[in-house]
Amino acid sequence: MIFLRNTSVSLIVALSAVMTSCENKTENWLNDYAKTKCAYQQEQQMIQDDSVKLITPLTLKKENLLQELTLLSAPFHDRIELNNQKIEEELGVFGDEYRKKTDKHSAKYGHVSTPEYEKAIENLQIKRDTKISLLKENIKIINNELNNDSEIQNKSLQIELLKSKIDSSWNNISVKHQPIIDSLQQELNILNINFKNILNELTQEEKENFEMSRDSIRNNPCNHVRK
């Protein structure tokens, strides 16, 4: 009887030790997860804060300059568009006259081409090409005026400088925060692996409680207080 009693006591002590060990594992894991997840969240917030502080003012300034550049360039683009429209009109006029002459010729001679008809079509083509060539030259001149406009050049240069500053600022933010983010992500990856290993040691009820605690921390890690 004494032997059985001692054996029972030993089993209870062993079982209690296992349960305590599992509780310690889950509590330690939840504490580590909360700290790491909170640190990750805080680092992301710092990236956002740095972005608002360093990037947003530059971006707003760039957008304002782009709007000013658009207003300055608009008259040039309007003139170019007008010449492009005239080119389309000349092509349309040529097409109409070509069809009229061709229909008139076909009605009289069928599919037989005559020297007079060929000369008339050639003159139409010369007339079309001459007008279109002049319009294209106008577009070239306007583009040169656009590209050489000092105010437009100055605005464009300021925009490019701001783009360079924005890229540099993003790079500085990345250099400052990305190594920390990467390190914390590695810790989270390891914690997630350990989470699965701990689950295998728990009862179904313990698994559910453990998962619920994990999810609670995931949603609000920095407000999670462990005893």
C-alpha atoms as a PDB file:
ATOM      1  CA  MET A   1       0.000   0.000   0.000  1.00  0.00           C
ATOM      2  CA  ILE A   2       2.865   2.323   0.881  1.00  0.00           C
ATOM      3  CA  PHE A   3       4.481   1.528  -2.499  1.00  0.00           C
ATOM      4  CA  LEU A   4       1.260   2.326  -4.400  1.00  0.00           C
ATOM      5  CA  ARG A   5       0.816   5.536  -2.433  1.00  0.00           C
ATOM      6  CA  ASN A   6       4.387   6.619  -3.218  1.00  0.00           C
ATOM      7  CA  THR A   7       3.884   5.747  -6.871  1.00  0.00           C
ATOM      8  CA  SER A   8       0.702   7.831  -7.046  1.00  0.00           C
ATOM      9  CA  VAL A   9       2.453  10.771  -5.451  1.00  0.00           C
ATOM     10  CA  SER A  10       5.302  10.475  -7.943  1.00  0.00           C
ATOM     11  CA  LEU A  11       2.888  10.446 -10.867  1.00  0.00           C
ATOM     12  CA  ILE A  12       1.081  13.523  -9.554  1.00  0.00           C
ATOM     13  CA  VAL A  13       4.381  15.347  -9.074  1.00  0.00           C
ATOM     14  CA  ALA A  14       5.526  14.353 -12.577  1.00  0.00           C
ATOM     15  CA  LEU A  15       2.236  15.392 -14.139  1.00  0.00           C
ATOM     16  CA  SER A  16       2.350  18.690 -12.255  1.00  0.00           C
ATOM     17  CA  ALA A  17       5.879  19.296 -13.516  1.00  0.00           C
ATOM     18  CA  VAL A  18       4.820  18.633 -17.121  1.00  0.00           C
ATOM     19  CA  MET A  19       1.839  20.975 -16.795  1.00  0.00           C
ATOM     20  CA  THR A  20       4.014  23.666 -15.225  1.00  0.00           C
ATOM     21  CA  SER A  21       6.561  23.226 -17.985  1.00  0.00           C
ATOM     22  CA  CYS A  22       3.873  23.633 -20.685  1.00  0.00           C
ATOM     23  CA  GLU A  23       2.466  26.698 -18.914  1.00  0.00           C
ATOM     24  CA  ASN A  24       5.933  28.226 -18.747  1.00  0.00           C
ATOM     25  CA  LYS A  25       6.503  27.537 -22.433  1.00  0.00           C
ATOM     26  CA  THR A  26       3.252  29.129 -23.506  1.00  0.00           C
ATOM     27  CA  GLU A  27       3.671  32.110 -21.185  1.00  0.00           C
ATOM     28  CA  ASN A  28       7.255  32.681 -22.281  1.00  0.00           C
ATOM     29  CA  TRP A  29       6.271  32.358 -25.924  1.00  0.00           C
ATOM     30  CA  LEU A  30       3.377  34.809 -25.554  1.00  0.00           C
ATOM     31  CA  ASN A  31       5.637  37.298 -23.766  1.00  0.00           C
ATOM     32  CA  ASP A  32       8.300  37.046 -26.450  1.00  0.00           C
ATOM     33  CA  TYR A  33       5.709  37.262 -29.215  1.00  0.00           C
ATOM     34  CA  ALA A  34       4.100  40.373 -27.705  1.00  0.00           C
ATOM     35  CA  LYS A  35       7.463  42.133 -27.298  1.00  0.00           C
ATOM     36  CA  THR A  36       8.663  41.245 -30.796  1.00  0.00           C
ATOM     37  CA  LYS A  37       5.357  42.009 -32.506  1.00  0.00           C
ATOM     38  CA  CYS A  38       5.121  45.331 -30.668  1.00  0.00           C
ATOM     39  CA  ALA A  39       8.687  46.244 -31.619  1.00  0.00           C
ATOM     40  CA  TYR A  40       7.908  45.397 -35.252  1.00  0.00           C
ATOM     41  CA  GLN A  41       4.763  47.553 -35.169  1.00  0.00           C
ATOM     42  CA  GLN A  42       6.626  50.443 -33.552  1.00  0.00           C
ATOM     43  CA  GLU A  43       9.375  50.256 -36.166  1.00  0.00           C
ATOM     44  CA  GLN A  44       6.781  50.374 -38.944  1.00  0.00           C
ATOM     45  CA  GLN A  45       5.234  53.438 -37.298  1.00  0.00           C
ATOM     46  CA  MET A  46       8.648  55.106 -37.190  1.00  0.00           C
ATOM     47  CA  ILE A  47       9.028  54.466 -40.929  1.00  0.00           C
ATOM     48  CA  GLN A  48       5.668  56.116 -41.489  1.00  0.00           C
ATOM     49  CA  ASP A  49       6.585  59.043 -39.235  1.00  0.00           C
ATOM     50  CA  ASP A  50       9.887  59.564 -41.038  1.00  0.00           C
ATOM     51  CA  SER A  51       8.058  59.383 -44.357  1.00  0.00           C
ATOM     52  CA  VAL A  52       5.579  62.067 -43.294  1.00  0.00           C
ATOM     53  CA  LYS A  53       8.394  64.228 -41.943  1.00  0.00           C
ATOM     54  CA  LEU A  54      10.901  63.840 -44.792  1.00  0.00           C
ATOM     55  CA  ILE A  55       9.032  62.685 -47.887  1.00  0.00           C
ATOM     56  CA  THR A  56       5.626  64.375 -47.723  1.00  0.00           C
ATOM     57  CA  PRO A  57       6.895  67.999 -47.875  1.00  0.00           C
ATOM     58  CA  LEU A  58       9.126  67.176 -50.845  1.00  0.00           C
ATOM     59  CA  THR A  59       6.310  65.352 -52.621  1.00  0.00           C
ATOM     60  CA  LEU A  60       3.892  68.242 -52.130  1.00  0.00           C
ATOM     61  CA  LYS A  61       6.467  70.688 -53.459  1.00  0.00           C
ATOM     62  CA  LYS A  62       7.099  68.467 -56.464  1.00  0.00           C
ATOM     63  CA  GLU A  63       3.358  68.207 -57.214  1.00  0.00           C
ATOM     64  CA  ASN A  64       3.021  72.006 -57.075  1.00  0.00           C
ATOM     65  CA  LEU A  65       5.915  72.416 -59.478  1.00  0.00           C
ATOM     66  CA  LEU A  66       4.414  69.829 -61.823  1.00  0.00           C
ATOM     67  CA  GLN A  67       1.168  71.804 -61.884  1.00  0.00           C
ATOM     68  CA  GLU A  68       3.080  75.002 -62.651  1.00  0.00           C
ATOM     69  CA  LEU A  69       5.024  73.207 -65.379  1.00  0.00           C
ATOM     70  CA  THR A  70       1.791  71.933 -66.907  1.00  0.00           C
ATOM     71  CA  LEU A  71       0.400  75.476 -67.062  1.00  0.00           C
ATOM     72  CA  LEU A  72       3.588  76.807 -68.634  1.00  0.00           C
ATOM     73  CA  SER A  73       3.724  74.004 -71.209  1.00  0.00           C
ATOM     74  CA  ALA A  74       0.012  74.068 -72.102  1.00  0.00           C
ATOM     75  CA  PRO A  75       0.210  76.838 -74.761  1.00  0.00           C
ATOM     76  CA  PHE A  76       2.995  74.991 -76.575  1.00  0.00           C
ATOM     77  CA  HIS A  77       1.100  71.695 -76.491  1.00  0.00           C
ATOM     78  CA  ASP A  78      -2.046  73.434 -77.720  1.00  0.00           C
ATOM     79  CA  ARG A  79      -0.167  74.797 -80.726  1.00  0.00           C
ATOM     80  CA  ILE A  80       1.307  71.375 -81.445  1.00  0.00           C
ATOM     81  CA  GLU A  81      -2.137  69.775 -81.208  1.00  0.00           C
ATOM     82  CA  LEU A  82      -3.561  72.395 -83.594  1.00  0.00           C
ATOM     83  CA  ASN A  83      -0.916  71.541 -86.197  1.00  0.00           C
ATOM     84  CA  ASN A  84      -1.574  67.820 -85.739  1.00  0.00           C
ATOM     85  CA  GLN A  85      -5.260  68.463 -86.369  1.00  0.00           C
ATOM     86  CA  LYS A  86      -4.398  70.366 -89.533  1.00  0.00           C
ATOM     87  CA  ILE A  87      -2.315  67.407 -90.704  1.00  0.00           C
ATOM     88  CA  GLU A  88      -5.322  65.128 -90.206  1.00  0.00           C
ATOM     89  CA  GLU A  89      -7.490  67.608 -92.115  1.00  0.00           C
ATOM     90  CA  GLU A  90      -5.043  67.715 -95.035  1.00  0.00           C
ATOM     91  CA  LEU A  91      -5.022  63.923 -95.180  1.00  0.00           C
ATOM     92  CA  GLY A  92      -8.812  63.978 -95.240  1.00  0.00           C
ATOM     93  CA  VAL A  93      -8.907  66.595 -98.044  1.00  0.00           C
ATOM     94  CA  PHE A  94      -6.423  64.564-100.064  1.00  0.00           C
ATOM     95  CA  GLY A  95      -8.475  61.417 -99.598  1.00  0.00           C
ATOM     96  CA  ASP A  96     -11.682  63.153-100.740  1.00  0.00           C
ATOM     97  CA  GLU A  97     -10.078  64.706-103.818  1.00  0.00           C
ATOM     98  CA  TYR A  98      -8.315  61.442-104.660  1.00  0.00           C
ATOM     99  CA  ARG A  99     -11.596  59.521-104.562  1.00  0.00           C
ATOM    100  CA  LYS A 100     -13.401  62.132-106.678  1.00  0.00           C
ATOM    101  CA  LYS A 101     -10.752  62.119-109.381  1.00  0.00           C
ATOM    102  CA  THR A 102     -10.485  58.312-109.290  1.00  0.00           C
ATOM    103  CA  ASP A 103     -14.272  57.830-109.500  1.00  0.00           C
ATOM    104  CA  LYS A 104     -14.524  60.325-112.383  1.00  0.00           C
ATOM    105  CA  HIS A 105     -11.654  58.663-114.213  1.00  0.00           C
ATOM    106  CA  SER A 106     -13.023  55.139-113.636  1.00  0.00           C
ATOM    107  CA  ALA A 107     -16.455  56.159-114.915  1.00  0.00           C
ATOM    108  CA  LYS A 108     -14.877  57.263-118.198  1.00  0.00           C
ATOM    109  CA  TYR A 109     -11.913  54.904-118.658  1.00  0.00           C
ATOM    110  CA  GLY A 110     -12.574  52.006-116.295  1.00  0.00           C
ATOM    111  CA  HIS A 111      -9.386  50.528-114.833  1.00  0.00           C
ATOM    112  CA  VAL A 112      -7.188  51.957-117.570  1.00  0.00           C
ATOM    113  CA  SER A 113      -4.829  54.610-116.225  1.00  0.00           C
ATOM    114  CA  THR A 114      -4.158  57.664-118.380  1.00  0.00           C
ATOM    115  CA  PRO A 115      -1.225  60.111-118.242  1.00  0.00           C
ATOM    116  CA  GLU A 116      -3.623  62.917-117.340  1.00  0.00           C
ATOM    117  CA  TYR A 117      -5.017  60.943-114.400  1.00  0.00           C
ATOM    118  CA  GLU A 118      -1.560  59.972-113.141  1.00  0.00           C
ATOM    119  CA  LYS A 119      -0.396  63.605-113.383  1.00  0.00           C
ATOM    120  CA  ALA A 120      -3.471  64.840-111.492  1.00  0.00           C
ATOM    121  CA  ILE A 121      -2.862  62.290-108.675  1.00  0.00           C
ATOM    122  CA  GLU A 122       0.813  63.204-108.553  1.00  0.00           C
ATOM    123  CA  ASN A 123      -0.091  66.898-108.173  1.00  0.00           C
ATOM    124  CA  LEU A 124      -2.496  66.004-105.359  1.00  0.00           C
ATOM    125  CA  GLN A 125       0.235  64.086-103.579  1.00  0.00           C
ATOM    126  CA  ILE A 126       2.735  66.941-103.985  1.00  0.00           C
ATOM    127  CA  LYS A 127       0.169  69.398-102.657  1.00  0.00           C
ATOM    128  CA  ARG A 128      -0.558  67.117 -99.674  1.00  0.00           C
ATOM    129  CA  ASP A 129       3.099  66.432 -98.881  1.00  0.00           C
ATOM    130  CA  THR A 130       4.020  70.130 -99.139  1.00  0.00           C
ATOM    131  CA  LYS A 131       1.345  71.229 -96.677  1.00  0.00           C
ATOM    132  CA  ILE A 132       2.049  68.387 -94.267  1.00  0.00           C
ATOM    133  CA  SER A 133       5.774  69.058 -94.441  1.00  0.00           C
ATOM    134  CA  LEU A 134       5.176  72.706 -93.475  1.00  0.00           C
ATOM    135  CA  LEU A 135       2.927  71.651 -90.580  1.00  0.00           C
ATOM    136  CA  LYS A 136       5.500  69.156 -89.318  1.00  0.00           C
ATOM    137  CA  GLU A 137       8.139  71.854 -89.508  1.00  0.00           C
ATOM    138  CA  ASN A 138       5.883  74.077 -87.408  1.00  0.00           C
ATOM    139  CA  ILE A 139       5.644  71.304 -84.802  1.00  0.00           C
ATOM    140  CA  LYS A 140       9.422  70.967 -84.780  1.00  0.00           C
ATOM    141  CA  ILE A 141       9.830  74.709 -84.232  1.00  0.00           C
ATOM    142  CA  ILE A 142       7.274  74.700 -81.387  1.00  0.00           C
ATOM    143  CA  ASN A 143       9.018  71.750 -79.721  1.00  0.00           C
ATOM    144  CA  ASN A 144      12.312  73.630 -79.899  1.00  0.00           C
ATOM    145  CA  GLU A 145      10.666  76.661 -78.306  1.00  0.00           C
ATOM    146  CA  LEU A 146       9.221  74.412 -75.599  1.00  0.00           C
ATOM    147  CA  ASN A 147      12.547  72.717 -74.874  1.00  0.00           C
ATOM    148  CA  ASN A 148      14.463  75.999 -74.801  1.00  0.00           C
ATOM    149  CA  ASP A 149      12.016  77.997 -72.692  1.00  0.00           C
ATOM    150  CA  SER A 150      14.083  79.157 -69.686  1.00  0.00           C
ATOM    151  CA  GLU A 151      11.191  79.131 -67.210  1.00  0.00           C
ATOM    152  CA  ILE A 152      10.143  75.647 -68.248  1.00  0.00           C
ATOM    153  CA  GLN A 153      13.737  74.447 -68.061  1.00  0.00           C
ATOM    154  CA  ASN A 154      14.073  75.891 -64.561  1.00  0.00           C
ATOM    155  CA  LYS A 155      10.859  74.197 -63.365  1.00  0.00           C
ATOM    156  CA  SER A 156      11.931  70.893 -64.909  1.00  0.00           C
ATOM    157  CA  LEU A 157      15.320  71.097 -63.200  1.00  0.00           C
ATOM    158  CA  GLN A 158      13.700  71.811 -59.825  1.00  0.00           C
ATOM    159  CA  ILE A 159      11.411  68.804 -60.285  1.00  0.00           C
ATOM    160  CA  GLU A 160      14.329  66.517 -61.117  1.00  0.00           C
ATOM    161  CA  LEU A 161      16.233  67.758 -58.057  1.00  0.00           C
ATOM    162  CA  LEU A 162      13.215  67.071 -55.864  1.00  0.00           C
ATOM    163  CA  LYS A 163      12.863  63.585 -57.326  1.00  0.00           C
ATOM    164  CA  SER A 164      16.499  62.964 -56.457  1.00  0.00           C
ATOM    165  CA  LYS A 165      15.951  64.240 -52.888  1.00  0.00           C
ATOM    166  CA  ILE A 166      12.887  62.032 -52.500  1.00  0.00           C
ATOM    167  CA  ASP A 167      14.812  58.969 -53.673  1.00  0.00           C
ATOM    168  CA  SER A 168      17.681  59.821 -51.334  1.00  0.00           C
ATOM    169  CA  SER A 169      15.317  60.302 -48.395  1.00  0.00           C
ATOM    170  CA  TRP A 170      13.633  56.961 -49.057  1.00  0.00           C
ATOM    171  CA  ASN A 171      17.048  55.336 -49.184  1.00  0.00           C
ATOM    172  CA  ASN A 172      18.034  56.901 -45.842  1.00  0.00           C
ATOM    173  CA  ILE A 173      14.792  55.707 -44.257  1.00  0.00           C
ATOM    174  CA  SER A 174      15.384  52.211 -45.606  1.00  0.00           C
ATOM    175  CA  VAL A 175      18.990  52.115 -44.370  1.00  0.00           C
ATOM    176  CA  LYS A 176      17.839  53.272 -40.943  1.00  0.00           C
ATOM    177  CA  HIS A 177      14.881  50.951 -40.429  1.00  0.00           C
ATOM    178  CA  GLN A 178      15.054  47.978 -42.813  1.00  0.00           C
ATOM    179  CA  PRO A 179      17.781  46.032 -40.958  1.00  0.00           C
ATOM    180  CA  ILE A 180      15.701  46.275 -37.764  1.00  0.00           C
ATOM    181  CA  ILE A 181      12.536  45.221 -39.600  1.00  0.00           C
ATOM    182  CA  ASP A 182      14.370  42.272 -41.167  1.00  0.00           C
ATOM    183  CA  SER A 183      15.791  41.192 -37.804  1.00  0.00           C
ATOM    184  CA  LEU A 184      12.410  41.371 -36.099  1.00  0.00           C
ATOM    185  CA  GLN A 185      10.817  39.449 -38.967  1.00  0.00           C
ATOM    186  CA  GLN A 186      13.379  36.682 -38.508  1.00  0.00           C
ATOM    187  CA  GLU A 187      12.520  36.546 -34.805  1.00  0.00           C
ATOM    188  CA  LEU A 188       8.814  36.329 -35.677  1.00  0.00           C
ATOM    189  CA  ASN A 189       9.529  33.509 -38.131  1.00  0.00           C
ATOM    190  CA  ILE A 190      11.326  31.553 -35.408  1.00  0.00           C
ATOM    191  CA  LEU A 191       8.529  32.260 -32.930  1.00  0.00           C
ATOM    192  CA  ASN A 192       5.960  30.976 -35.421  1.00  0.00           C
ATOM    193  CA  ILE A 193       7.921  27.740 -35.792  1.00  0.00           C
ATOM    194  CA  ASN A 194       8.136  27.372 -32.004  1.00  0.00           C
ATOM    195  CA  PHE A 195       4.407  28.086 -31.741  1.00  0.00           C
ATOM    196  CA  LYS A 196       3.638  25.030 -33.866  1.00  0.00           C
ATOM    197  CA  ASN A 197       6.015  22.895 -31.821  1.00  0.00           C
ATOM    198  CA  ILE A 198       4.398  23.975 -28.536  1.00  0.00           C
ATOM    199  CA  LEU A 199       0.919  23.239 -29.923  1.00  0.00           C
ATOM    200  CA  ASN A 200       1.888  19.606 -30.353  1.00  0.00           C
ATOM    201  CA  GLU A 201       2.468  19.327 -26.595  1.00  0.00           C
ATOM    202  CA  LEU A 202      -0.919  20.746 -25.565  1.00  0.00           C
ATOM    203  CA  THR A 203      -4.372  19.326 -25.059  1.00  0.00           C
ATOM    204  CA  GLN A 204      -7.166  20.480 -27.365  1.00  0.00           C
ATOM    205  CA  GLU A 205      -8.454  22.994 -24.812  1.00  0.00           C
ATOM    206  CA  GLU A 206      -4.946  24.305 -24.174  1.00  0.00           C
ATOM    207  CA  LYS A 207      -4.365  24.647 -27.936  1.00  0.00           C
ATOM    208  CA  GLU A 208      -7.507  26.725 -28.341  1.00  0.00           C
ATOM    209  CA  ASN A 209      -6.577  29.009 -25.431  1.00  0.00           C
ATOM    210  CA  PHE A 210      -3.021  29.364 -26.724  1.00  0.00           C
ATOM    211  CA  GLU A 211      -4.215  30.259 -30.229  1.00  0.00           C
ATOM    212  CA  MET A 212      -6.740  32.763 -28.855  1.00  0.00           C
ATOM    213  CA  SER A 213      -4.016  34.448 -26.787  1.00  0.00           C
ATOM    214  CA  ARG A 214      -1.731  34.574 -29.832  1.00  0.00           C
ATOM    215  CA  ASP A 215      -4.479  36.145 -31.972  1.00  0.00           C
ATOM    216  CA  SER A 216      -5.232  38.719 -29.287  1.00  0.00           C
ATOM    217  CA  ILE A 217      -1.595  39.780 -29.201  1.00  0.00           C
ATOM    218  CA  ARG A 218      -1.389  39.861 -32.991  1.00  0.00           C
ATOM    219  CA  ASN A 219      -4.244  42.376 -33.171  1.00  0.00           C
ATOM    220  CA  ASN A 220      -2.868  44.698 -30.505  1.00  0.00           C
ATOM    221  CA  PRO A 221       0.622  43.647 -29.399  1.00  0.00           C
ATOM    222  CA  CYS A 222       1.722  46.855 -27.669  1.00  0.00           C
ATOM    223  CA  ASN A 223      -1.327  46.909 -25.389  1.00  0.00           C
ATOM    224  CA  HIS A 224      -0.888  43.287 -24.365  1.00  0.00           C
ATOM    225  CA  VAL A 225       0.220  42.956 -20.750  1.00  0.00           C
ATOM    226  CA  ARG A 226       1.373  39.562 -19.494  1.00  0.00           C
ATOM    227  CA  LYS A 227       1.490  38.790 -15.782  1.00  0.00           C
END
